[in-house]
């Protein structure tokens, strides 16, 4: 399924949920994050069962079949990602209070 088809299904689900239940969703996030899309589909199924909105049930099934094409994003702890970025030199550590040169640079004048 193409990304535009998936986005279209997510947009339709967003409009239905907004009209039928008042729930506001993030269409773009729904189209790219399988975990979020599954939760929205679960919510839509629940509301379809409780409130009798058959349309929600149909579109929840479409959304679930569409997100099956999404590859799950590899999850990595934030600490591990930050450590790898520091080691690779992609980011510089923030100077701490012990760094007197950074503090003296801006005290008493603009620059």
C-alpha atoms as a PDB file:
ATOM      1  CA  UNK A   1       0.000   0.000   0.000  1.00  0.00           C
ATOM      2  CA  UNK A   2       1.349   3.417  -0.915  1.00  0.00           C
ATOM      3  CA  UNK A   3       1.983   6.068   1.748  1.00  0.00           C
ATOM      4  CA  UNK A   4      -0.677   8.308   0.207  1.00  0.00           C
ATOM      5  CA  UNK A   5      -3.288   5.531   0.510  1.00  0.00           C
ATOM      6  CA  UNK A   6      -2.347   5.009   4.141  1.00  0.00           C
ATOM      7  CA  UNK A   7      -2.534   8.746   4.785  1.00  0.00           C
ATOM      8  CA  UNK A   8      -5.958   8.857   3.126  1.00  0.00           C
ATOM      9  CA  UNK A   9      -7.272   6.107   5.391  1.00  0.00           C
ATOM     10  CA  UNK A  10      -5.830   7.885   8.431  1.00  0.00           C
ATOM     11  CA  UNK A  11      -7.440  11.165   7.346  1.00  0.00           C
ATOM     12  CA  UNK A  12     -10.810   9.499   6.862  1.00  0.00           C
ATOM     13  CA  UNK A  13     -10.523   7.861  10.283  1.00  0.00           C
ATOM     14  CA  UNK A  14      -9.629  11.236  11.803  1.00  0.00           C
ATOM     15  CA  UNK A  15     -12.729  12.896  10.319  1.00  0.00           C
ATOM     16  CA  UNK A  16     -15.020  10.061  11.430  1.00  0.00           C
ATOM     17  CA  UNK A  17     -13.673  10.056  14.977  1.00  0.00           C
ATOM     18  CA  UNK A  18     -13.979  13.835  15.195  1.00  0.00           C
ATOM     19  CA  UNK A  19     -17.577  13.819  13.960  1.00  0.00           C
ATOM     20  CA  UNK A  20     -18.842  10.735  15.774  1.00  0.00           C
ATOM     21  CA  UNK A  21     -16.943  10.868  19.081  1.00  0.00           C
ATOM     22  CA  UNK A  22     -15.323  14.299  19.335  1.00  0.00           C
ATOM     23  CA  UNK A  23     -11.904  12.674  19.481  1.00  0.00           C
ATOM     24  CA  UNK A  24      -9.100  14.598  17.753  1.00  0.00           C
ATOM     25  CA  UNK A  25      -6.248  12.533  16.332  1.00  0.00           C
ATOM     26  CA  UNK A  26      -2.933  13.227  14.621  1.00  0.00           C
ATOM     27  CA  UNK A  27      -3.386  12.064  11.042  1.00  0.00           C
ATOM     28  CA  UNK A  28       0.253  12.306  10.053  1.00  0.00           C
ATOM     29  CA  UNK A  29       1.427  10.377  13.123  1.00  0.00           C
ATOM     30  CA  UNK A  30      -1.251   7.762  12.529  1.00  0.00           C
ATOM     31  CA  UNK A  31       0.045   7.220   8.993  1.00  0.00           C
ATOM     32  CA  UNK A  32       3.654   6.662  10.071  1.00  0.00           C
ATOM     33  CA  UNK A  33       3.477   5.126  13.560  1.00  0.00           C
ATOM     34  CA  UNK A  34       1.966   1.647  13.692  1.00  0.00           C
ATOM     35  CA  UNK A  35       1.623   1.617  17.481  1.00  0.00           C
ATOM     36  CA  UNK A  36      -0.412   4.840  17.486  1.00  0.00           C
ATOM     37  CA  UNK A  37      -2.531   3.640  14.551  1.00  0.00           C
ATOM     38  CA  UNK A  38      -3.306   0.370  16.365  1.00  0.00           C
ATOM     39  CA  UNK A  39      -4.433   2.300  19.424  1.00  0.00           C
ATOM     40  CA  UNK A  40      -6.667   4.547  17.312  1.00  0.00           C
ATOM     41  CA  UNK A  41      -8.161   1.464  15.626  1.00  0.00           C
ATOM     42  CA  UNK A  42      -8.758  -0.096  19.050  1.00  0.00           C
ATOM     43  CA  UNK A  43     -10.466   3.094  20.243  1.00  0.00           C
ATOM     44  CA  UNK A  44     -12.607   3.227  17.085  1.00  0.00           C
ATOM     45  CA  UNK A  45     -13.671  -0.405  17.541  1.00  0.00           C
ATOM     46  CA  UNK A  46     -14.612   0.283  21.150  1.00  0.00           C
ATOM     47  CA  UNK A  47     -16.661   3.358  20.229  1.00  0.00           C
ATOM     48  CA  UNK A  48     -18.315   1.439  17.399  1.00  0.00           C
ATOM     49  CA  UNK A  49     -19.345  -1.251  19.872  1.00  0.00           C
ATOM     50  CA  UNK A  50     -20.510   1.173  22.584  1.00  0.00           C
ATOM     51  CA  UNK A  51     -22.181   3.837  20.440  1.00  0.00           C
ATOM     52  CA  UNK A  52     -23.222   1.697  17.471  1.00  0.00           C
ATOM     53  CA  UNK A  53     -21.211   3.570  14.820  1.00  0.00           C
ATOM     54  CA  UNK A  54     -20.792   0.887  12.145  1.00  0.00           C
ATOM     55  CA  UNK A  55     -18.721   3.199   9.938  1.00  0.00           C
ATOM     56  CA  UNK A  56     -16.019   3.344  12.602  1.00  0.00           C
ATOM     57  CA  UNK A  57     -15.766  -0.426  12.634  1.00  0.00           C
ATOM     58  CA  UNK A  58     -15.323  -0.595   8.859  1.00  0.00           C
ATOM     59  CA  UNK A  59     -12.619   2.083   8.812  1.00  0.00           C
ATOM     60  CA  UNK A  60     -10.855   0.599  11.845  1.00  0.00           C
ATOM     61  CA  UNK A  61     -10.484  -2.640   9.889  1.00  0.00           C
ATOM     62  CA  UNK A  62      -9.149  -0.713   6.880  1.00  0.00           C
ATOM     63  CA  UNK A  63      -6.661   1.118   9.092  1.00  0.00           C
ATOM     64  CA  UNK A  64      -5.458  -2.105  10.715  1.00  0.00           C
ATOM     65  CA  UNK A  65      -4.936  -3.803   7.362  1.00  0.00           C
ATOM     66  CA  UNK A  66      -3.085  -0.716   6.082  1.00  0.00           C
ATOM     67  CA  UNK A  67      -0.743  -0.486   9.071  1.00  0.00           C
ATOM     68  CA  UNK A  68       0.240  -4.096   8.558  1.00  0.00           C
ATOM     69  CA  UNK A  69       2.374  -2.756   5.699  1.00  0.00           C
ATOM     70  CA  UNK A  70       4.300  -0.451   8.052  1.00  0.00           C
ATOM     71  CA  UNK A  71       7.603  -1.790   9.290  1.00  0.00           C
ATOM     72  CA  UNK A  72       7.897  -1.481  13.060  1.00  0.00           C
ATOM     73  CA  UNK A  73      10.381   1.212  14.012  1.00  0.00           C
ATOM     74  CA  UNK A  74      13.407  -0.162  15.836  1.00  0.00           C
ATOM     75  CA  UNK A  75      13.275   1.003  19.429  1.00  0.00           C
ATOM     76  CA  UNK A  76      16.381   2.052  21.263  1.00  0.00           C
ATOM     77  CA  UNK A  77      16.680   3.586  24.749  1.00  0.00           C
ATOM     78  CA  UNK A  78      17.229   7.343  24.683  1.00  0.00           C
ATOM     79  CA  UNK A  79      20.359   7.049  26.820  1.00  0.00           C
ATOM     80  CA  UNK A  80      21.894   4.659  24.305  1.00  0.00           C
ATOM     81  CA  UNK A  81      21.045   6.962  21.384  1.00  0.00           C
ATOM     82  CA  UNK A  82      22.499   9.977  23.171  1.00  0.00           C
ATOM     83  CA  UNK A  83      25.701   8.117  24.072  1.00  0.00           C
ATOM     84  CA  UNK A  84      26.169   6.998  20.470  1.00  0.00           C
ATOM     85  CA  UNK A  85      25.621  10.550  19.201  1.00  0.00           C
ATOM     86  CA  UNK A  86      28.199  11.907  21.658  1.00  0.00           C
ATOM     87  CA  UNK A  87      30.744   9.258  20.679  1.00  0.00           C
ATOM     88  CA  UNK A  88      30.188   9.962  16.986  1.00  0.00           C
ATOM     89  CA  UNK A  89      30.697  13.690  17.558  1.00  0.00           C
ATOM     90  CA  UNK A  90      27.255  14.583  16.242  1.00  0.00           C
ATOM     91  CA  UNK A  91      26.501  16.682  19.334  1.00  0.00           C
ATOM     92  CA  UNK A  92      28.707  18.562  21.760  1.00  0.00           C
ATOM     93  CA  UNK A  93      28.247  18.262  25.512  1.00  0.00           C
ATOM     94  CA  UNK A  94      26.698  21.306  27.173  1.00  0.00           C
ATOM     95  CA  UNK A  95      29.245  23.210  29.289  1.00  0.00           C
ATOM     96  CA  UNK A  96      28.573  22.871  32.977  1.00  0.00           C
ATOM     97  CA  UNK A  97      28.867  25.526  35.700  1.00  0.00           C
ATOM     98  CA  UNK A  98      32.527  24.654  36.172  1.00  0.00           C
ATOM     99  CA  UNK A  99      33.320  26.017  32.694  1.00  0.00           C
ATOM    100  CA  UNK A 100      34.368  29.554  33.700  1.00  0.00           C
ATOM    101  CA  UNK A 101      35.257  30.714  30.183  1.00  0.00           C
ATOM    102  CA  UNK A 102      31.708  30.176  28.930  1.00  0.00           C
ATOM    103  CA  UNK A 103      30.289  32.080  31.886  1.00  0.00           C
ATOM    104  CA  UNK A 104      32.753  34.991  31.725  1.00  0.00           C
ATOM    105  CA  UNK A 105      32.083  35.514  28.035  1.00  0.00           C
ATOM    106  CA  UNK A 106      28.583  36.918  28.612  1.00  0.00           C
ATOM    107  CA  UNK A 107      28.834  38.598  32.028  1.00  0.00           C
ATOM    108  CA  UNK A 108      28.754  42.380  32.057  1.00  0.00           C
ATOM    109  CA  UNK A 109      28.389  42.875  28.308  1.00  0.00           C
ATOM    110  CA  UNK A 110      26.477  41.502  25.384  1.00  0.00           C
ATOM    111  CA  UNK A 111      29.481  40.090  23.639  1.00  0.00           C
END
